[in-house]
Amino acid sequence: MRIDLNADIGESFGAYTIGEDQALFRHITSANIACGFHAGDFNVIRETVKSAKDFGVAIGAHPGYPDLQGFGRRELQMTAREIYNCVVYQIGALKVFCDIHGVPLQHVKPHGALYNAAAEKSEIAEAIAEAVYDSIPEAYLFGLCNSELIHAGQKIGLKTASEAFADRRYTEDGRLCSRLLPDAVLKSFDDILGQVKEFVFNGRVKTKSGQWLTLQADTICFHGDGKNAALYSAEIRKVLEDAGVLVRSVGKPI
C-alpha cells in the first residue's frame, strides 16, 4: 500500500509570510509551489525550490487564477485559451528555477477556484491538460478524484494522480464543499486522521450528509496555510507508516 502526501507551499510573497513551509517539508513527499499569480513571488519561488531540493521533496507547479487579492479562491471569467496561456506561463516560471537547481518538475496541480472549476468543467480541464502536455509532457497532472481534470489528463496522454483532501468535507457528487459553507474545513486532528485512514485503507470518504462515497486516491493534500498543518501531517504520516503504508511521491519508483 502506497500514498503520496502533498502540501501547497511557497505561498508567501513580499513582506507577507503564509504557511509552515519549512516544517511541512520534513513530512510531505510532494510540494505544490505557488507560481506568483495567486500567491508567491520570484524570491519565494527560488527559495522554495531550493528547500524542496534540500529536503528531497518532489516539486510541482501550483498555477492559479491571476487573483492575488483573492488568493486564487474566486473563479474568474476566462476563456479556455486564456487559461491555457495562464497555466503555461506559470509552469514556465517555476520550471526555470527547477532547471537552475537541477531538479525535475514532477507534477502540476491547479490551485483553488481554478482547480474546482477544472473538476467540473471539461473545457477548463482540457485547457489545463493541454497546457501541461505542451509544457512538460512527462509530468503528472494532479486532480480531484473522479474529476473532469483527471479524465482530461488521461485523454491527452498525461500521467495522472487522483487527489483527496485531508481537511475538506465532500459533497455527495465527490466535489469539495464550498468554503463559504459552515464546517467545509475539518479542524480537529481526530476528524482529519479518520478521513485520511478511510481514504488509504478503505478507499472511501463520508460526505457531508453522512453517505459513503468510493474514492481511490494516489495523493493526499494538506493545506500549507491550515492551522497545525505541519504537526498534523507529521503525526498522520507516522500513523500510516506504522501501519505499513509506503509514503512516497508519485513519481518515485518503489
Protein backbone atom coordinates (compact mmCIF):
# COMPACT_ATOMS: atom_id res chain seq x y z
CA MET A 1 0.00 0.00 0.00
CA ARG A 2 1.42 3.36 -1.09
CA ILE A 3 0.39 7.02 -0.77
CA ASP A 4 1.87 10.41 -1.60
CA LEU A 5 1.44 13.30 0.84
CA ASN A 6 1.42 16.76 -0.72
CA ALA A 7 1.01 20.32 0.50
CA ASP A 8 0.56 23.75 -1.05
CA ILE A 9 3.87 25.52 -0.46
CA GLY A 10 5.59 28.81 -1.29
CA GLU A 11 2.52 30.98 -0.80
CA SER A 12 4.32 33.80 0.98
CA PHE A 13 5.05 36.95 -1.01
CA GLY A 14 6.75 40.29 -0.43
CA ALA A 15 6.55 41.12 3.28
CA TYR A 16 3.85 38.52 3.97
CA THR A 17 4.57 35.07 5.38
CA ILE A 18 1.97 32.37 4.82
CA GLY A 19 2.12 28.75 5.92
CA GLU A 20 4.60 26.49 7.71
CA ASP A 21 6.74 25.58 4.74
CA GLN A 22 9.98 24.58 6.44
CA ALA A 23 8.20 22.38 8.97
CA LEU A 24 5.99 20.80 6.31
CA PHE A 25 8.99 19.87 4.17
CA ARG A 26 10.03 17.39 6.86
CA HIS A 27 6.86 15.32 6.47
CA ILE A 28 5.42 15.65 2.96
CA THR A 29 6.66 13.90 -0.17
CA SER A 30 5.42 16.34 -2.85
CA ALA A 31 5.22 20.14 -2.78
CA ASN A 32 2.84 22.25 -4.88
CA ILE A 33 4.71 25.54 -5.29
CA ALA A 34 2.74 28.72 -5.96
CA CYS A 35 3.83 30.38 -9.21
CA GLY A 36 3.17 34.05 -8.42
CA PHE A 37 -0.38 34.57 -9.66
CA HIS A 38 -2.48 33.63 -6.61
CA ALA A 39 0.47 33.74 -4.18
CA GLY A 40 4.26 33.52 -4.11
CA ASP A 41 6.79 35.68 -5.93
CA PHE A 42 10.12 35.30 -7.72
CA ASN A 43 12.12 35.39 -4.48
CA VAL A 44 9.86 32.92 -2.70
CA ILE A 45 9.82 30.55 -5.69
CA ARG A 46 13.61 30.39 -5.76
CA GLU A 47 13.97 29.72 -2.04
CA THR A 48 11.12 27.20 -2.01
CA VAL A 49 12.59 25.19 -4.89
CA LYS A 50 15.94 25.16 -3.10
CA SER A 51 14.34 23.99 0.16
CA ALA A 52 12.40 21.25 -1.61
CA LYS A 53 15.64 20.02 -3.16
CA ASP A 54 17.41 20.09 0.20
CA PHE A 55 14.65 18.04 1.84
CA GLY A 56 14.31 15.62 -1.08
CA VAL A 57 10.68 16.60 -1.70
CA ALA A 58 9.28 16.30 -5.22
CA ILE A 59 8.30 19.58 -6.84
CA GLY A 60 5.08 20.52 -8.58
CA ALA A 61 3.75 23.71 -10.13
CA HIS A 62 0.67 25.17 -8.45
CA PRO A 63 -0.84 27.58 -11.00
CA GLY A 64 -3.93 29.58 -10.15
CA TYR A 65 -6.10 32.36 -11.44
CA PRO A 66 -4.33 35.75 -11.58
CA ASP A 67 -6.02 36.90 -8.37
CA LEU A 68 -3.51 37.76 -5.67
CA GLN A 69 -6.02 39.73 -3.61
CA GLY A 70 -8.49 36.82 -3.56
CA PHE A 71 -5.76 34.19 -3.04
CA GLY A 72 -6.99 32.46 -6.18
CA ARG A 73 -10.19 31.33 -4.49
CA ARG A 74 -12.53 33.38 -6.69
CA GLU A 75 -13.46 32.00 -10.10
CA LEU A 76 -12.59 34.39 -12.92
CA GLN A 77 -14.33 34.52 -16.28
CA MET A 78 -11.54 33.47 -18.64
CA THR A 79 -11.65 31.73 -21.99
CA ALA A 80 -10.10 28.29 -22.43
CA ARG A 81 -7.24 29.84 -24.42
CA GLU A 82 -6.60 32.40 -21.70
CA ILE A 83 -6.47 29.62 -19.11
CA TYR A 84 -4.09 27.62 -21.31
CA ASN A 85 -1.74 30.60 -21.65
CA CYS A 86 -2.04 31.44 -17.96
CA VAL A 87 -1.05 27.91 -16.93
CA VAL A 88 1.80 27.65 -19.46
CA TYR A 89 3.17 30.98 -18.18
CA GLN A 90 3.19 29.83 -14.56
CA ILE A 91 4.66 26.40 -15.31
CA GLY A 92 7.44 28.10 -17.25
CA ALA A 93 8.31 30.40 -14.36
CA LEU A 94 8.70 27.51 -11.92
CA LYS A 95 10.42 25.18 -14.38
CA VAL A 96 13.29 27.57 -15.00
CA PHE A 97 14.03 27.73 -11.27
CA CYS A 98 13.90 23.92 -11.17
CA ASP A 99 16.34 23.76 -14.09
CA ILE A 100 18.71 26.15 -12.34
CA HIS A 101 18.70 23.94 -9.23
CA GLY A 102 18.96 20.72 -11.24
CA VAL A 103 15.70 19.19 -10.06
CA PRO A 104 12.78 17.83 -12.11
CA LEU A 105 9.29 19.29 -12.15
CA GLN A 106 7.30 16.22 -11.14
CA HIS A 107 3.72 17.44 -11.43
CA VAL A 108 1.21 20.22 -11.95
CA LYS A 109 -1.71 20.83 -9.62
CA PRO A 110 -4.06 23.77 -10.25
CA HIS A 111 -4.93 25.92 -7.26
CA GLY A 112 -8.16 26.96 -5.60
CA ALA A 113 -11.00 28.13 -7.80
CA LEU A 114 -9.17 27.03 -10.95
CA TYR A 115 -8.83 23.52 -9.51
CA ASN A 116 -12.51 23.38 -8.58
CA ALA A 117 -13.61 24.70 -11.98
CA ALA A 118 -11.46 22.09 -13.72
CA ALA A 119 -13.05 19.37 -11.62
CA GLU A 120 -16.47 20.11 -13.13
CA LYS A 121 -15.98 21.88 -16.47
CA SER A 122 -14.48 19.82 -19.28
CA GLU A 123 -13.44 22.87 -21.32
CA ILE A 124 -11.30 24.23 -18.47
CA ALA A 125 -9.95 20.78 -17.62
CA GLU A 126 -8.91 20.22 -21.23
CA ALA A 127 -7.20 23.62 -21.43
CA ILE A 128 -5.13 22.83 -18.33
CA ALA A 129 -4.28 19.33 -19.52
CA GLU A 130 -3.19 20.72 -22.89
CA ALA A 131 -1.01 23.33 -21.16
CA VAL A 132 0.72 20.66 -19.09
CA TYR A 133 1.15 18.33 -22.08
CA ASP A 134 2.67 21.09 -24.23
CA SER A 135 4.97 22.32 -21.44
CA ILE A 136 6.14 19.21 -19.58
CA PRO A 137 4.53 16.10 -21.10
CA GLU A 138 6.45 13.80 -18.76
CA ALA A 139 4.85 15.36 -15.66
CA TYR A 140 1.92 14.10 -13.61
CA LEU A 141 -1.32 16.05 -13.55
CA PHE A 142 -2.86 16.17 -10.07
CA GLY A 143 -6.64 16.47 -9.92
CA LEU A 144 -9.59 15.72 -7.69
CA CYS A 145 -10.54 12.05 -7.67
CA ASN A 146 -13.06 11.15 -10.40
CA SER A 147 -12.98 14.68 -11.80
CA GLU A 148 -13.03 16.13 -15.30
CA LEU A 149 -9.39 17.16 -14.82
CA ILE A 150 -8.27 13.55 -14.31
CA HIS A 151 -10.30 12.47 -17.33
CA ALA A 152 -8.80 15.25 -19.48
CA GLY A 153 -5.27 14.34 -18.42
CA GLN A 154 -5.77 10.69 -19.24
CA LYS A 155 -7.39 11.53 -22.58
CA ILE A 156 -4.46 13.65 -23.76
CA GLY A 157 -1.89 11.08 -22.60
CA LEU A 158 -0.58 12.50 -19.34
CA LYS A 159 0.21 10.53 -16.23
CA THR A 160 -2.37 11.47 -13.60
CA ALA A 161 -2.58 11.31 -9.81
CA SER A 162 -6.00 11.33 -8.18
CA GLU A 163 -6.05 13.59 -5.14
CA ALA A 164 -8.03 13.59 -1.90
CA PHE A 165 -8.06 16.29 0.78
CA ALA A 166 -7.27 15.53 4.39
CA ASP A 167 -9.15 18.50 5.82
CA ARG A 168 -12.06 19.14 3.45
CA ARG A 169 -15.63 17.87 3.56
CA TYR A 170 -17.09 16.30 0.45
CA THR A 171 -20.43 16.65 -1.32
CA GLU A 172 -22.48 13.66 -2.46
CA ASP A 173 -21.11 14.00 -6.01
CA GLY A 174 -17.49 13.82 -4.85
CA ARG A 175 -16.68 17.54 -5.01
CA LEU A 176 -15.28 19.66 -2.21
CA CYS A 177 -17.78 21.57 -0.10
CA SER A 178 -17.58 25.30 -0.71
CA ARG A 179 -15.50 27.18 1.84
CA LEU A 180 -18.48 29.53 2.20
CA LEU A 181 -20.40 26.74 3.96
CA PRO A 182 -20.00 26.06 7.68
CA ASP A 183 -17.80 23.07 8.54
CA ALA A 184 -16.41 22.88 4.99
CA VAL A 185 -12.95 22.52 6.53
CA LEU A 186 -12.19 19.87 9.15
CA LYS A 187 -10.46 21.32 12.19
CA SER A 188 -9.83 18.54 14.72
CA PHE A 189 -6.93 16.11 14.40
CA ASP A 190 -9.18 13.12 15.04
CA ASP A 191 -11.53 14.10 12.21
CA ILE A 192 -8.66 14.65 9.78
CA LEU A 193 -6.88 11.43 10.76
CA GLY A 194 -10.13 9.49 10.46
CA GLN A 195 -10.76 10.83 6.96
CA VAL A 196 -7.20 10.04 5.82
CA LYS A 197 -7.47 6.47 7.14
CA GLU A 198 -10.71 5.99 5.22
CA PHE A 199 -9.01 7.21 2.03
CA VAL A 200 -5.99 4.95 2.42
CA PHE A 201 -7.38 1.78 3.97
CA ASN A 202 -10.97 1.68 2.73
CA GLY A 203 -10.98 3.76 -0.47
CA ARG A 204 -13.92 5.87 0.59
CA VAL A 205 -14.99 9.13 2.23
CA LYS A 206 -18.03 10.12 4.28
CA THR A 207 -19.90 13.01 2.64
CA LYS A 208 -21.43 15.99 4.41
CA SER A 209 -24.79 14.18 4.50
CA GLY A 210 -23.25 11.09 6.07
CA GLN A 211 -23.20 8.87 2.98
CA TRP A 212 -20.15 6.84 1.96
CA LEU A 213 -18.56 7.61 -1.39
CA THR A 214 -15.98 5.40 -3.14
CA LEU A 215 -12.73 7.26 -3.70
CA GLN A 216 -9.32 5.88 -4.70
CA ALA A 217 -6.55 8.38 -4.01
CA ASP A 218 -2.93 8.41 -5.15
CA THR A 219 -2.04 11.53 -3.19
CA ILE A 220 -3.48 13.36 -0.17
CA CYS A 221 -3.28 17.12 0.30
CA PHE A 222 -2.57 19.05 3.49
CA HIS A 223 -3.20 22.78 3.10
CA GLY A 224 0.02 24.61 3.89
CA ASP A 225 -1.85 27.61 5.29
CA GLY A 226 -4.06 25.45 7.53
CA LYS A 227 -3.79 25.57 11.30
CA ASN A 228 -1.41 22.89 12.66
CA ALA A 229 -0.74 21.61 9.13
CA ALA A 230 2.86 20.60 9.87
CA LEU A 231 2.00 18.91 13.17
CA TYR A 232 -0.95 17.02 11.72
CA SER A 233 0.96 15.88 8.63
CA ALA A 234 3.81 14.59 10.82
CA GLU A 235 1.53 12.62 13.11
CA ILE A 236 -0.59 11.24 10.28
CA ARG A 237 2.48 10.16 8.31
CA LYS A 238 3.70 8.26 11.36
CA VAL A 239 0.32 6.53 11.77
CA LEU A 240 0.38 5.46 8.12
CA GLU A 241 3.95 4.22 8.18
CA ASP A 242 3.40 2.35 11.43
CA ALA A 243 0.54 0.57 9.64
CA GLY A 244 2.87 -0.49 6.83
CA VAL A 245 1.94 2.15 4.26
CA LEU A 246 4.75 3.29 1.95
CA VAL A 247 4.69 7.12 1.96
CA ARG A 248 6.42 8.25 -1.22
CA SER A 249 5.98 10.78 -4.02
CA VAL A 250 4.02 9.56 -7.04
CA GLY A 251 6.99 9.85 -9.37
CA LYS A 252 9.46 7.95 -7.22
CA PRO A 253 9.85 4.24 -8.00
CA ILE A 254 9.19 1.70 -5.26
